[in-house]
Amino acid sequence: MKNPSATATGGSVYASDPPYKPVRDQHFFTKNSDVQNPGHPWFISKGSTNIFADGMGAIIFSDVHADAAALEALTSCIRIPAFRATFGPVDVLVNLGDLLHRGSRPQETLEKVQALSREYRMISVLGNHDHAYLNGILVSGSDAASTYRHEQLRNSPLLSIFDAMPMEWQDHNMLFVHGGPLELGTQVLRLKCWQRLSHEAGDFFTGYHYTASMAFEALEERGLIHMCCGHQHENICCRKTPGGIVQQELGFVPLVLEKDGGTLRLDVARVPLDLPSILRIGGCFGPVPEFAYTDFSTFSFIRIAPRD
C-alpha cells in the first residue's frame, strides 16, 4: 500500500522483486586529503574519487544488522589464501550500510569494523537502519534484547564511524549505495539509503520504490555504468541488454576452499561486467552470510554455506 505522506515507521523487507524477463548467462590507493577523511581513518568519506587501479579487488558486504558472528565468518573467509587464489587480491572492503539494528551485538559489530579498518582500506556508506538509529527514527525488526543493547551504545566512541559518512561512493563507473541512486530531496523515505528496487515506482511506507529502468537512467545521467546496493536482503542482478532490461538468473555453484587442514564451502554466482548492471547483494547476517567480490571486470555473489 502506498502512502506518500508516511513517515519512517516501518522497516520490513519488500519481498517482491521486479518481474523482468529472466535470462541465463553461462587500482592503486593513494593517501591524500582528496581521498582520506582526516580524523576518521575507519572509512573513506569522499564519494567521487577513484581509488582502484586495474587488477585490484574489493569485498562488498551489506546489512550486517549487529551480527558480529556473521561478520567474523566473512573475515575468516577472505583471509584464506585459497580465497585470494580463487577470486583475486583483497585491497578494499566496501560496507554498504546497516551495521546496526535487529541483531543483539552492535558493540561487537562496530569493534569488528574498527579492527578491519586497521587491516584493510574501508569504504562505508550509510544504511537506512544506521540513519534511523542516529536520528531516533522508529523502525521494525529489533527485539527487546537488540533494542536494549543498542541503547547502551548511545554514548560510545564507536559511533564515530558514522561521522560524515556519505550515502554513496563511486569508483570505476560503479555506484555503491545502500538503497538507490535517485536524487529526490531530503525527505527521510526518499533519501538514497531508504530507496528500494521494485517493480512499481512511488512512495511507500518502507521508502521510495524505484524501477530498474529509473536506476539505469540515473546512472547514465551521471556517466556511470553499474550500481551495487544492498538493503533488501535478497540478491538480484538486472542487466541492460540491447534488447531491454532483463533479470539475470544467478546460477550459484558450490566451491570448496581449503582452510587450515579443513574446508570451507561457498556458493558462488559470477556475472561478467560487460553490460550495464544493477547488482544487489544479500545480507551479511544469519547462518548463511552473503557478500560479494569484484575486480570491476567480474562480479561474484558469494554465500558462506552453513557448517555441517
C-alpha atoms as a PDB file:
ATOM      1  CA  MET A   1       0.000   0.000   0.000  1.00  0.00           C
ATOM      2  CA  LYS A   2       1.265   3.432  -0.899  1.00  0.00           C
ATOM      3  CA  ASN A   3       1.277   6.386   1.435  1.00  0.00           C
ATOM      4  CA  PRO A   4       3.084   9.425   0.025  1.00  0.00           C
ATOM      5  CA  SER A   5       2.941  11.277   3.342  1.00  0.00           C
ATOM      6  CA  ALA A   6       4.109   8.381   5.518  1.00  0.00           C
ATOM      7  CA  THR A   7       6.944   8.786   7.989  1.00  0.00           C
ATOM      8  CA  ALA A   8       9.583   6.121   8.541  1.00  0.00           C
ATOM      9  CA  THR A   9       7.699   3.892  10.907  1.00  0.00           C
ATOM     10  CA  GLY A  10       8.370   0.587   9.202  1.00  0.00           C
ATOM     11  CA  GLY A  11      11.472  -1.328   8.173  1.00  0.00           C
ATOM     12  CA  SER A  12      10.126  -4.556   6.738  1.00  0.00           C
ATOM     13  CA  VAL A  13      11.702  -6.127   3.683  1.00  0.00           C
ATOM     14  CA  TYR A  14       9.826  -5.640   0.432  1.00  0.00           C
ATOM     15  CA  ALA A  15       9.704  -9.198  -0.852  1.00  0.00           C
ATOM     16  CA  SER A  16       8.629  -8.677  -4.450  1.00  0.00           C
ATOM     17  CA  ASP A  17      11.440  -8.379  -6.970  1.00  0.00           C
ATOM     18  CA  PRO A  18      10.963  -6.749 -10.371  1.00  0.00           C
ATOM     19  CA  PRO A  19       9.261  -9.242 -12.735  1.00  0.00           C
ATOM     20  CA  TYR A  20      11.744  -8.773 -15.548  1.00  0.00           C
ATOM     21  CA  LYS A  21      12.229 -11.431 -18.167  1.00  0.00           C
ATOM     22  CA  PRO A  22      14.715 -13.962 -16.729  1.00  0.00           C
ATOM     23  CA  VAL A  23      17.812 -14.759 -18.757  1.00  0.00           C
ATOM     24  CA  ARG A  24      20.565 -17.285 -18.066  1.00  0.00           C
ATOM     25  CA  ASP A  25      24.233 -16.461 -18.736  1.00  0.00           C
ATOM     26  CA  GLN A  26      26.628 -19.136 -18.734  1.00  0.00           C
ATOM     27  CA  HIS A  27      43.947   0.158  -8.524  1.00  0.00           C
ATOM     28  CA  PHE A  28      46.152   1.760  -6.679  1.00  0.00           C
ATOM     29  CA  PHE A  29      45.170   3.595  -3.423  1.00  0.00           C
ATOM     30  CA  THR A  30      46.635   6.995  -2.693  1.00  0.00           C
ATOM     31  CA  LYS A  31      46.634   8.504   0.784  1.00  0.00           C
ATOM     32  CA  ASN A  32      45.880  12.149   0.353  1.00  0.00           C
ATOM     33  CA  SER A  33      43.446  14.774   1.551  1.00  0.00           C
ATOM     34  CA  ASP A  34      41.256  14.283  -1.514  1.00  0.00           C
ATOM     35  CA  VAL A  35      40.557  10.695  -0.547  1.00  0.00           C
ATOM     36  CA  GLN A  36      41.205  10.103   3.132  1.00  0.00           C
ATOM     37  CA  ASN A  37      38.935  11.729   5.688  1.00  0.00           C
ATOM     38  CA  PRO A  38      41.261  13.391   8.238  1.00  0.00           C
ATOM     39  CA  GLY A  39      40.490  12.288  11.760  1.00  0.00           C
ATOM     40  CA  HIS A  40      38.314   9.392  10.645  1.00  0.00           C
ATOM     41  CA  PRO A  41      40.571   6.561   9.468  1.00  0.00           C
ATOM     42  CA  TRP A  42      37.794   3.961   9.653  1.00  0.00           C
ATOM     43  CA  PHE A  43      36.412   4.714   6.223  1.00  0.00           C
ATOM     44  CA  ILE A  44      36.930   6.787   3.105  1.00  0.00           C
ATOM     45  CA  SER A  45      34.389   9.561   3.080  1.00  0.00           C
ATOM     46  CA  LYS A  46      34.753  11.277  -0.283  1.00  0.00           C
ATOM     47  CA  GLY A  47      32.296   9.970  -2.813  1.00  0.00           C
ATOM     48  CA  SER A  48      33.783  10.727  -6.218  1.00  0.00           C
ATOM     49  CA  THR A  49      37.456   9.735  -6.276  1.00  0.00           C
ATOM     50  CA  ASN A  50      38.625   6.531  -7.935  1.00  0.00           C
ATOM     51  CA  ILE A  51      40.941   4.571  -5.668  1.00  0.00           C
ATOM     52  CA  PHE A  52      41.284   1.372  -7.680  1.00  0.00           C
ATOM     53  CA  ALA A  53      43.837   0.618 -10.319  1.00  0.00           C
ATOM     54  CA  ASP A  54      43.326  -2.247 -12.727  1.00  0.00           C
ATOM     55  CA  GLY A  55      43.746  -5.629 -11.084  1.00  0.00           C
ATOM     56  CA  MET A  56      42.664  -4.573  -7.612  1.00  0.00           C
ATOM     57  CA  GLY A  57      39.793  -6.227  -5.829  1.00  0.00           C
ATOM     58  CA  ALA A  58      37.021  -5.278  -3.420  1.00  0.00           C
ATOM     59  CA  ILE A  59      34.998  -7.229  -0.894  1.00  0.00           C
ATOM     60  CA  ILE A  60      31.471  -5.816  -0.646  1.00  0.00           C
ATOM     61  CA  PHE A  61      29.056  -6.539   2.187  1.00  0.00           C
ATOM     62  CA  SER A  62      25.778  -5.077   3.403  1.00  0.00           C
ATOM     63  CA  ASP A  63      23.152  -5.423   6.110  1.00  0.00           C
ATOM     64  CA  VAL A  64      25.199  -6.951   8.917  1.00  0.00           C
ATOM     65  CA  HIS A  65      22.491  -5.833  11.361  1.00  0.00           C
ATOM     66  CA  ALA A  66      24.589  -6.191  14.505  1.00  0.00           C
ATOM     67  CA  ASP A  67      25.505  -9.798  13.717  1.00  0.00           C
ATOM     68  CA  ALA A  68      29.158  -9.834  14.728  1.00  0.00           C
ATOM     69  CA  ALA A  69      29.403 -13.597  14.182  1.00  0.00           C
ATOM     70  CA  ALA A  70      28.430 -13.266  10.509  1.00  0.00           C
ATOM     71  CA  LEU A  71      30.981 -10.501  10.019  1.00  0.00           C
ATOM     72  CA  GLU A  72      33.615 -12.706  11.630  1.00  0.00           C
ATOM     73  CA  ALA A  73      32.673 -15.537   9.256  1.00  0.00           C
ATOM     74  CA  LEU A  74      33.189 -13.202   6.287  1.00  0.00           C
ATOM     75  CA  THR A  75      36.537 -12.046   7.679  1.00  0.00           C
ATOM     76  CA  SER A  76      37.750 -15.596   8.221  1.00  0.00           C
ATOM     77  CA  CYS A  77      36.731 -16.478   4.662  1.00  0.00           C
ATOM     78  CA  ILE A  78      38.578 -13.654   2.890  1.00  0.00           C
ATOM     79  CA  ARG A  79      41.756 -14.276   4.887  1.00  0.00           C
ATOM     80  CA  ILE A  80      42.098 -17.803   3.499  1.00  0.00           C
ATOM     81  CA  PRO A  81      44.917 -17.946   0.898  1.00  0.00           C
ATOM     82  CA  ALA A  82      42.685 -20.156  -1.259  1.00  0.00           C
ATOM     83  CA  PHE A  83      40.081 -17.357  -1.380  1.00  0.00           C
ATOM     84  CA  ARG A  84      42.576 -14.876  -2.818  1.00  0.00           C
ATOM     85  CA  ALA A  85      43.956 -17.507  -5.177  1.00  0.00           C
ATOM     86  CA  THR A  86      40.438 -18.173  -6.477  1.00  0.00           C
ATOM     87  CA  PHE A  87      38.997 -14.658  -6.675  1.00  0.00           C
ATOM     88  CA  GLY A  88      41.922 -12.229  -6.610  1.00  0.00           C
ATOM     89  CA  PRO A  89      43.529  -9.729  -4.241  1.00  0.00           C
ATOM     90  CA  VAL A  90      41.555  -8.118  -1.434  1.00  0.00           C
ATOM     91  CA  ASP A  91      42.530  -4.457  -1.400  1.00  0.00           C
ATOM     92  CA  VAL A  92      39.443  -2.662  -0.074  1.00  0.00           C
ATOM     93  CA  LEU A  93      36.347  -3.560   1.920  1.00  0.00           C
ATOM     94  CA  VAL A  94      33.104  -1.796   0.979  1.00  0.00           C
ATOM     95  CA  ASN A  95      30.394  -1.624   3.647  1.00  0.00           C
ATOM     96  CA  LEU A  96      27.049  -0.792   2.033  1.00  0.00           C
ATOM     97  CA  GLY A  97      25.361   0.079   5.308  1.00  0.00           C
ATOM     98  CA  ASP A  98      23.020  -1.213   8.002  1.00  0.00           C
ATOM     99  CA  LEU A  99      25.620  -2.210  10.542  1.00  0.00           C
ATOM    100  CA  LEU A 100      23.015  -1.600  13.249  1.00  0.00           C
ATOM    101  CA  HIS A 101      19.550  -2.734  14.415  1.00  0.00           C
ATOM    102  CA  ARG A 102      17.836  -6.129  14.564  1.00  0.00           C
ATOM    103  CA  GLY A 103      20.837  -8.084  15.870  1.00  0.00           C
ATOM    104  CA  SER A 104      21.933  -8.107  19.502  1.00  0.00           C
ATOM    105  CA  ARG A 105      25.676  -7.471  19.198  1.00  0.00           C
ATOM    106  CA  PRO A 106      26.053  -3.885  17.965  1.00  0.00           C
ATOM    107  CA  GLN A 107      29.109  -3.085  20.074  1.00  0.00           C
ATOM    108  CA  GLU A 108      30.992  -6.178  18.928  1.00  0.00           C
ATOM    109  CA  THR A 109      30.000  -5.427  15.330  1.00  0.00           C
ATOM    110  CA  LEU A 110      31.394  -1.893  15.417  1.00  0.00           C
ATOM    111  CA  GLU A 111      34.526  -3.115  17.203  1.00  0.00           C
ATOM    112  CA  LYS A 112      34.982  -5.648  14.416  1.00  0.00           C
ATOM    113  CA  VAL A 113      34.559  -2.966  11.746  1.00  0.00           C
ATOM    114  CA  GLN A 114      37.088  -0.797  13.572  1.00  0.00           C
ATOM    115  CA  ALA A 115      39.585  -3.678  13.633  1.00  0.00           C
ATOM    116  CA  LEU A 116      39.014  -4.440   9.947  1.00  0.00           C
ATOM    117  CA  SER A 117      39.638  -0.807   9.058  1.00  0.00           C
ATOM    118  CA  ARG A 118      43.116  -1.156  10.530  1.00  0.00           C
ATOM    119  CA  GLU A 119      43.782  -4.240   8.419  1.00  0.00           C
ATOM    120  CA  TYR A 120      42.170  -3.124   5.138  1.00  0.00           C
ATOM    121  CA  ARG A 121      41.196   0.091   3.428  1.00  0.00           C
ATOM    122  CA  MET A 122      37.489   0.526   4.030  1.00  0.00           C
ATOM    123  CA  ILE A 123      34.729   2.451   2.308  1.00  0.00           C
ATOM    124  CA  SER A 124      31.449   2.830   4.212  1.00  0.00           C
ATOM    125  CA  VAL A 125      28.129   4.283   3.122  1.00  0.00           C
ATOM    126  CA  LEU A 126      25.110   4.920   5.336  1.00  0.00           C
ATOM    127  CA  GLY A 127      22.242   2.440   5.558  1.00  0.00           C
ATOM    128  CA  ASN A 128      18.655   3.264   6.437  1.00  0.00           C
ATOM    129  CA  HIS A 129      18.870   1.480   9.802  1.00  0.00           C
ATOM    130  CA  ASP A 130      22.069   3.358  10.624  1.00  0.00           C
ATOM    131  CA  HIS A 131      20.285   6.578   9.661  1.00  0.00           C
ATOM    132  CA  ALA A 132      17.240   5.640  11.737  1.00  0.00           C
ATOM    133  CA  TYR A 133      19.322   4.782  14.806  1.00  0.00           C
ATOM    134  CA  LEU A 134      21.309   8.016  14.647  1.00  0.00           C
ATOM    135  CA  ASN A 135      18.165  10.114  14.211  1.00  0.00           C
ATOM    136  CA  GLY A 136      15.855   8.356  16.650  1.00  0.00           C
ATOM    137  CA  ILE A 137      13.508   7.067  13.935  1.00  0.00           C
ATOM    138  CA  LEU A 138      11.451   4.020  14.881  1.00  0.00           C
ATOM    139  CA  VAL A 139      11.807   1.041  12.529  1.00  0.00           C
ATOM    140  CA  SER A 140      10.654  -2.536  12.907  1.00  0.00           C
ATOM    141  CA  GLY A 141      12.665  -5.696  13.357  1.00  0.00           C
ATOM    142  CA  SER A 142      14.542  -5.303  16.656  1.00  0.00           C
ATOM    143  CA  ASP A 143      13.515  -7.339  19.708  1.00  0.00           C
ATOM    144  CA  ALA A 144      13.897  -6.243  23.316  1.00  0.00           C
ATOM    145  CA  ALA A 145      17.473  -7.515  23.639  1.00  0.00           C
ATOM    146  CA  SER A 146      18.551  -5.757  20.446  1.00  0.00           C
ATOM    147  CA  THR A 147      16.874  -2.504  21.472  1.00  0.00           C
ATOM    148  CA  TYR A 148      18.452  -2.580  24.930  1.00  0.00           C
ATOM    149  CA  ARG A 149      21.968  -3.207  23.633  1.00  0.00           C
ATOM    150  CA  HIS A 150      21.656  -0.504  21.009  1.00  0.00           C
ATOM    151  CA  GLU A 151      20.544   1.981  23.652  1.00  0.00           C
ATOM    152  CA  GLN A 152      23.561   1.027  25.754  1.00  0.00           C
ATOM    153  CA  LEU A 153      25.706   2.069  22.782  1.00  0.00           C
ATOM    154  CA  ARG A 154      24.328   5.625  22.559  1.00  0.00           C
ATOM    155  CA  ASN A 155      27.360   7.438  24.032  1.00  0.00           C
ATOM    156  CA  SER A 156      30.016   5.083  22.696  1.00  0.00           C
ATOM    157  CA  PRO A 157      33.014   6.484  20.794  1.00  0.00           C
ATOM    158  CA  LEU A 158      32.489   3.579  18.421  1.00  0.00           C
ATOM    159  CA  LEU A 159      29.685   5.607  16.831  1.00  0.00           C
ATOM    160  CA  SER A 160      32.286   7.976  15.384  1.00  0.00           C
ATOM    161  CA  ILE A 161      32.350   5.633  12.390  1.00  0.00           C
ATOM    162  CA  PHE A 162      29.170   7.368  11.249  1.00  0.00           C
ATOM    163  CA  ASP A 163      30.588  10.894  11.467  1.00  0.00           C
ATOM    164  CA  ALA A 164      30.316  12.429   7.986  1.00  0.00           C
ATOM    165  CA  MET A 165      29.605   9.001   6.460  1.00  0.00           C
ATOM    166  CA  PRO A 166      28.305   9.528   2.894  1.00  0.00           C
ATOM    167  CA  MET A 167      25.266   7.887   1.354  1.00  0.00           C
ATOM    168  CA  GLU A 168      27.141   6.771  -1.753  1.00  0.00           C
ATOM    169  CA  TRP A 169      30.538   6.080  -3.269  1.00  0.00           C
ATOM    170  CA  GLN A 170      31.543   5.697  -6.894  1.00  0.00           C
ATOM    171  CA  ASP A 171      34.577   4.061  -8.439  1.00  0.00           C
ATOM    172  CA  HIS A 172      35.376   2.521 -11.813  1.00  0.00           C
ATOM    173  CA  ASN A 173      31.996   3.614 -13.225  1.00  0.00           C
ATOM    174  CA  MET A 174      30.190   1.785 -10.417  1.00  0.00           C
ATOM    175  CA  LEU A 175      27.931   3.388  -7.817  1.00  0.00           C
ATOM    176  CA  PHE A 176      27.997   1.896  -4.320  1.00  0.00           C
ATOM    177  CA  VAL A 177      24.891   2.787  -2.309  1.00  0.00           C
ATOM    178  CA  HIS A 178      22.694   1.140   0.296  1.00  0.00           C
ATOM    179  CA  GLY A 179      19.345   1.702  -1.376  1.00  0.00           C
ATOM    180  CA  GLY A 180      19.099   3.581  -4.650  1.00  0.00           C
ATOM    181  CA  PRO A 181      20.606   6.213  -6.949  1.00  0.00           C
ATOM    182  CA  LEU A 182      17.849   8.813  -7.224  1.00  0.00           C
ATOM    183  CA  GLU A 183      18.141  12.457  -6.166  1.00  0.00           C
ATOM    184  CA  LEU A 184      14.760  13.031  -4.523  1.00  0.00           C
ATOM    185  CA  GLY A 185      15.393  15.681  -1.895  1.00  0.00           C
ATOM    186  CA  THR A 186      15.753  15.451   1.879  1.00  0.00           C
ATOM    187  CA  GLN A 187      12.515  13.757   2.962  1.00  0.00           C
ATOM    188  CA  VAL A 188      13.543  10.733   5.033  1.00  0.00           C
ATOM    189  CA  LEU A 189      11.918   7.994   2.968  1.00  0.00           C
ATOM    190  CA  ARG A 190      13.265   9.486  -0.265  1.00  0.00           C
ATOM    191  CA  LEU A 191      16.902   9.535   0.831  1.00  0.00           C
ATOM    192  CA  LYS A 192      19.224   7.182  -1.070  1.00  0.00           C
ATOM    193  CA  CYS A 193      19.652   4.932   1.948  1.00  0.00           C
ATOM    194  CA  TRP A 194      15.861   4.335   2.109  1.00  0.00           C
ATOM    195  CA  GLN A 195      15.145   3.792  -1.608  1.00  0.00           C
ATOM    196  CA  ARG A 196      14.216   0.267  -2.753  1.00  0.00           C
ATOM    197  CA  LEU A 197      14.401  -1.528  -6.094  1.00  0.00           C
ATOM    198  CA  SER A 198      10.916  -2.669  -7.091  1.00  0.00           C
ATOM    199  CA  HIS A 199       8.575  -3.343  -9.991  1.00  0.00           C
ATOM    200  CA  GLU A 200       6.493  -0.235  -9.283  1.00  0.00           C
ATOM    201  CA  ALA A 201       7.664   3.312  -8.594  1.00  0.00           C
ATOM    202  CA  GLY A 202       6.280   5.542  -5.866  1.00  0.00           C
ATOM    203  CA  ASP A 203       6.255   6.470  -2.189  1.00  0.00           C
ATOM    204  CA  PHE A 204       5.704   3.568   0.211  1.00  0.00           C
ATOM    205  CA  PHE A 205       5.829   3.118   3.980  1.00  0.00           C
ATOM    206  CA  THR A 206       9.219   1.429   3.621  1.00  0.00           C
ATOM    207  CA  GLY A 207      10.806   4.096   1.433  1.00  0.00           C
ATOM    208  CA  TYR A 208      10.621   5.310  -2.130  1.00  0.00           C
ATOM    209  CA  HIS A 209      10.428   2.444  -4.622  1.00  0.00           C
ATOM    210  CA  TYR A 210      12.180   2.811  -7.979  1.00  0.00           C
ATOM    211  CA  THR A 211      12.371   0.580 -11.034  1.00  0.00           C
ATOM    212  CA  ALA A 212      15.450  -0.783 -12.768  1.00  0.00           C
ATOM    213  CA  SER A 213      14.845   1.459 -15.768  1.00  0.00           C
ATOM    214  CA  MET A 214      14.820   4.511 -13.487  1.00  0.00           C
ATOM    215  CA  ALA A 215      18.094   3.383 -11.929  1.00  0.00           C
ATOM    216  CA  PHE A 216      19.814   2.864 -15.281  1.00  0.00           C
ATOM    217  CA  GLU A 217      18.629   6.276 -16.438  1.00  0.00           C
ATOM    218  CA  ALA A 218      20.012   7.909 -13.296  1.00  0.00           C
ATOM    219  CA  LEU A 219      23.341   6.115 -13.701  1.00  0.00           C
ATOM    220  CA  GLU A 220      23.620   7.113 -17.353  1.00  0.00           C
ATOM    221  CA  GLU A 221      22.986  10.764 -16.494  1.00  0.00           C
ATOM    222  CA  ARG A 222      25.993  10.614 -14.156  1.00  0.00           C
ATOM    223  CA  GLY A 223      28.248   8.808 -16.599  1.00  0.00           C
ATOM    224  CA  LEU A 224      28.138   5.586 -14.560  1.00  0.00           C
ATOM    225  CA  ILE A 225      27.532   2.050 -15.795  1.00  0.00           C
ATOM    226  CA  HIS A 226      26.897  -0.220 -12.809  1.00  0.00           C
ATOM    227  CA  MET A 227      25.284   0.032  -9.378  1.00  0.00           C
ATOM    228  CA  CYS A 228      25.917  -2.168  -6.354  1.00  0.00           C
ATOM    229  CA  CYS A 229      23.420  -1.974  -3.488  1.00  0.00           C
ATOM    230  CA  GLY A 230      22.018  -3.933  -0.561  1.00  0.00           C
ATOM    231  CA  HIS A 231      19.094  -3.047   1.709  1.00  0.00           C
ATOM    232  CA  GLN A 232      16.551  -5.689   0.712  1.00  0.00           C
ATOM    233  CA  HIS A 233      18.406  -8.816   1.873  1.00  0.00           C
ATOM    234  CA  GLU A 234      17.879 -10.624  -1.428  1.00  0.00           C
ATOM    235  CA  ASN A 235      20.394 -10.825  -4.247  1.00  0.00           C
ATOM    236  CA  ILE A 236      19.394  -9.833  -7.733  1.00  0.00           C
ATOM    237  CA  CYS A 237      21.112  -8.914 -10.986  1.00  0.00           C
ATOM    238  CA  CYS A 238      19.425  -6.715 -13.592  1.00  0.00           C
ATOM    239  CA  ARG A 239      21.249  -6.159 -16.877  1.00  0.00           C
ATOM    240  CA  LYS A 240      20.641  -3.611 -19.608  1.00  0.00           C
ATOM    241  CA  THR A 241      20.933  -5.530 -22.856  1.00  0.00           C
ATOM    242  CA  PRO A 242      20.432  -4.250 -26.431  1.00  0.00           C
ATOM    243  CA  GLY A 243      17.003  -5.869 -26.293  1.00  0.00           C
ATOM    244  CA  GLY A 244      15.983  -4.287 -22.979  1.00  0.00           C
ATOM    245  CA  ILE A 245      16.370  -4.781 -19.245  1.00  0.00           C
ATOM    246  CA  VAL A 246      16.438  -8.391 -18.068  1.00  0.00           C
ATOM    247  CA  GLN A 247      16.776 -10.034 -14.702  1.00  0.00           C
ATOM    248  CA  GLN A 248      19.648 -12.477 -14.982  1.00  0.00           C
ATOM    249  CA  GLU A 249      19.191 -15.750 -13.198  1.00  0.00           C
ATOM    250  CA  LEU A 250      22.005 -16.225 -10.703  1.00  0.00           C
ATOM    251  CA  GLY A 251      23.266 -19.750 -11.064  1.00  0.00           C
ATOM    252  CA  PHE A 252      25.055 -20.419  -7.781  1.00  0.00           C
ATOM    253  CA  VAL A 253      27.596 -23.235  -7.925  1.00  0.00           C
ATOM    254  CA  PRO A 254      29.372 -24.833  -4.955  1.00  0.00           C
ATOM    255  CA  LEU A 255      33.013 -24.016  -4.263  1.00  0.00           C
ATOM    256  CA  VAL A 256      35.167 -25.715  -1.612  1.00  0.00           C
ATOM    257  CA  LEU A 257      38.198 -23.877  -0.238  1.00  0.00           C
ATOM    258  CA  GLU A 258      40.995 -25.489   1.732  1.00  0.00           C
ATOM    259  CA  LYS A 259      41.251 -23.941   5.188  1.00  0.00           C
ATOM    260  CA  ASP A 260      43.693 -24.853   7.973  1.00  0.00           C
ATOM    261  CA  GLY A 261      43.546 -28.564   7.304  1.00  0.00           C
ATOM    262  CA  GLY A 262      39.794 -28.404   6.762  1.00  0.00           C
ATOM    263  CA  THR A 263      37.440 -26.962   4.175  1.00  0.00           C
ATOM    264  CA  LEU A 264      35.047 -24.047   3.781  1.00  0.00           C
ATOM    265  CA  ARG A 265      32.037 -24.387   1.492  1.00  0.00           C
ATOM    266  CA  LEU A 266      30.829 -21.440  -0.544  1.00  0.00           C
ATOM    267  CA  ASP A 267      28.151 -20.942  -3.166  1.00  0.00           C
ATOM    268  CA  VAL A 268      29.213 -18.549  -5.920  1.00  0.00           C
ATOM    269  CA  ALA A 269      27.465 -16.876  -8.861  1.00  0.00           C
ATOM    270  CA  ARG A 270      29.674 -14.901 -11.248  1.00  0.00           C
ATOM    271  CA  VAL A 271      28.482 -12.107 -13.520  1.00  0.00           C
ATOM    272  CA  PRO A 272      30.719 -10.501 -16.180  1.00  0.00           C
ATOM    273  CA  LEU A 273      30.567  -6.714 -16.075  1.00  0.00           C
ATOM    274  CA  ASP A 274      30.283  -6.433 -19.844  1.00  0.00           C
ATOM    275  CA  LEU A 275      26.816  -4.841 -19.743  1.00  0.00           C
ATOM    276  CA  PRO A 276      25.326  -2.133 -17.516  1.00  0.00           C
ATOM    277  CA  SER A 277      24.206  -3.945 -14.363  1.00  0.00           C
ATOM    278  CA  ILE A 278      22.354  -3.464 -11.096  1.00  0.00           C
ATOM    279  CA  LEU A 279      23.906  -5.801  -8.560  1.00  0.00           C
ATOM    280  CA  ARG A 280      22.031  -6.174  -5.279  1.00  0.00           C
ATOM    281  CA  ILE A 281      23.690  -8.406  -2.704  1.00  0.00           C
ATOM    282  CA  GLY A 282      22.044 -10.343   0.098  1.00  0.00           C
ATOM    283  CA  GLY A 283      22.529  -9.615   3.771  1.00  0.00           C
ATOM    284  CA  CYS A 284      25.678 -10.489   5.700  1.00  0.00           C
ATOM    285  CA  PHE A 285      23.833 -11.876   8.714  1.00  0.00           C
ATOM    286  CA  GLY A 286      22.366 -15.115   9.982  1.00  0.00           C
ATOM    287  CA  PRO A 287      23.543 -18.682   9.349  1.00  0.00           C
ATOM    288  CA  VAL A 288      24.263 -18.075   5.630  1.00  0.00           C
ATOM    289  CA  PRO A 289      26.044 -14.702   5.351  1.00  0.00           C
ATOM    290  CA  GLU A 290      26.266 -13.238   1.859  1.00  0.00           C
ATOM    291  CA  PHE A 291      28.759 -10.821   0.353  1.00  0.00           C
ATOM    292  CA  ALA A 292      30.438 -10.135  -2.982  1.00  0.00           C
ATOM    293  CA  TYR A 293      33.807  -9.723  -4.659  1.00  0.00           C
ATOM    294  CA  THR A 294      34.660  -7.663  -7.721  1.00  0.00           C
ATOM    295  CA  ASP A 295      37.735  -6.688  -9.692  1.00  0.00           C
ATOM    296  CA  PHE A 296      35.487  -4.493 -11.886  1.00  0.00           C
ATOM    297  CA  SER A 297      35.619  -6.963 -14.756  1.00  0.00           C
ATOM    298  CA  THR A 298      33.638  -9.714 -12.996  1.00  0.00           C
ATOM    299  CA  PHE A 299      31.247  -9.558 -10.062  1.00  0.00           C
ATOM    300  CA  SER A 300      30.897 -12.596  -7.782  1.00  0.00           C
ATOM    301  CA  PHE A 301      27.912 -13.109  -5.480  1.00  0.00           C
ATOM    302  CA  ILE A 302      29.086 -15.279  -2.570  1.00  0.00           C
ATOM    303  CA  ARG A 303      27.289 -17.229   0.155  1.00  0.00           C
ATOM    304  CA  ILE A 304      29.043 -18.883   3.071  1.00  0.00           C
ATOM    305  CA  ALA A 305      27.396 -22.273   3.403  1.00  0.00           C
ATOM    306  CA  PRO A 306      26.431 -23.343   6.939  1.00  0.00           C
ATOM    307  CA  ARG A 307      28.677 -25.814   8.695  1.00  0.00           C
ATOM    308  CA  ASP A 308      27.592 -29.440   8.837  1.00  0.00           C
END
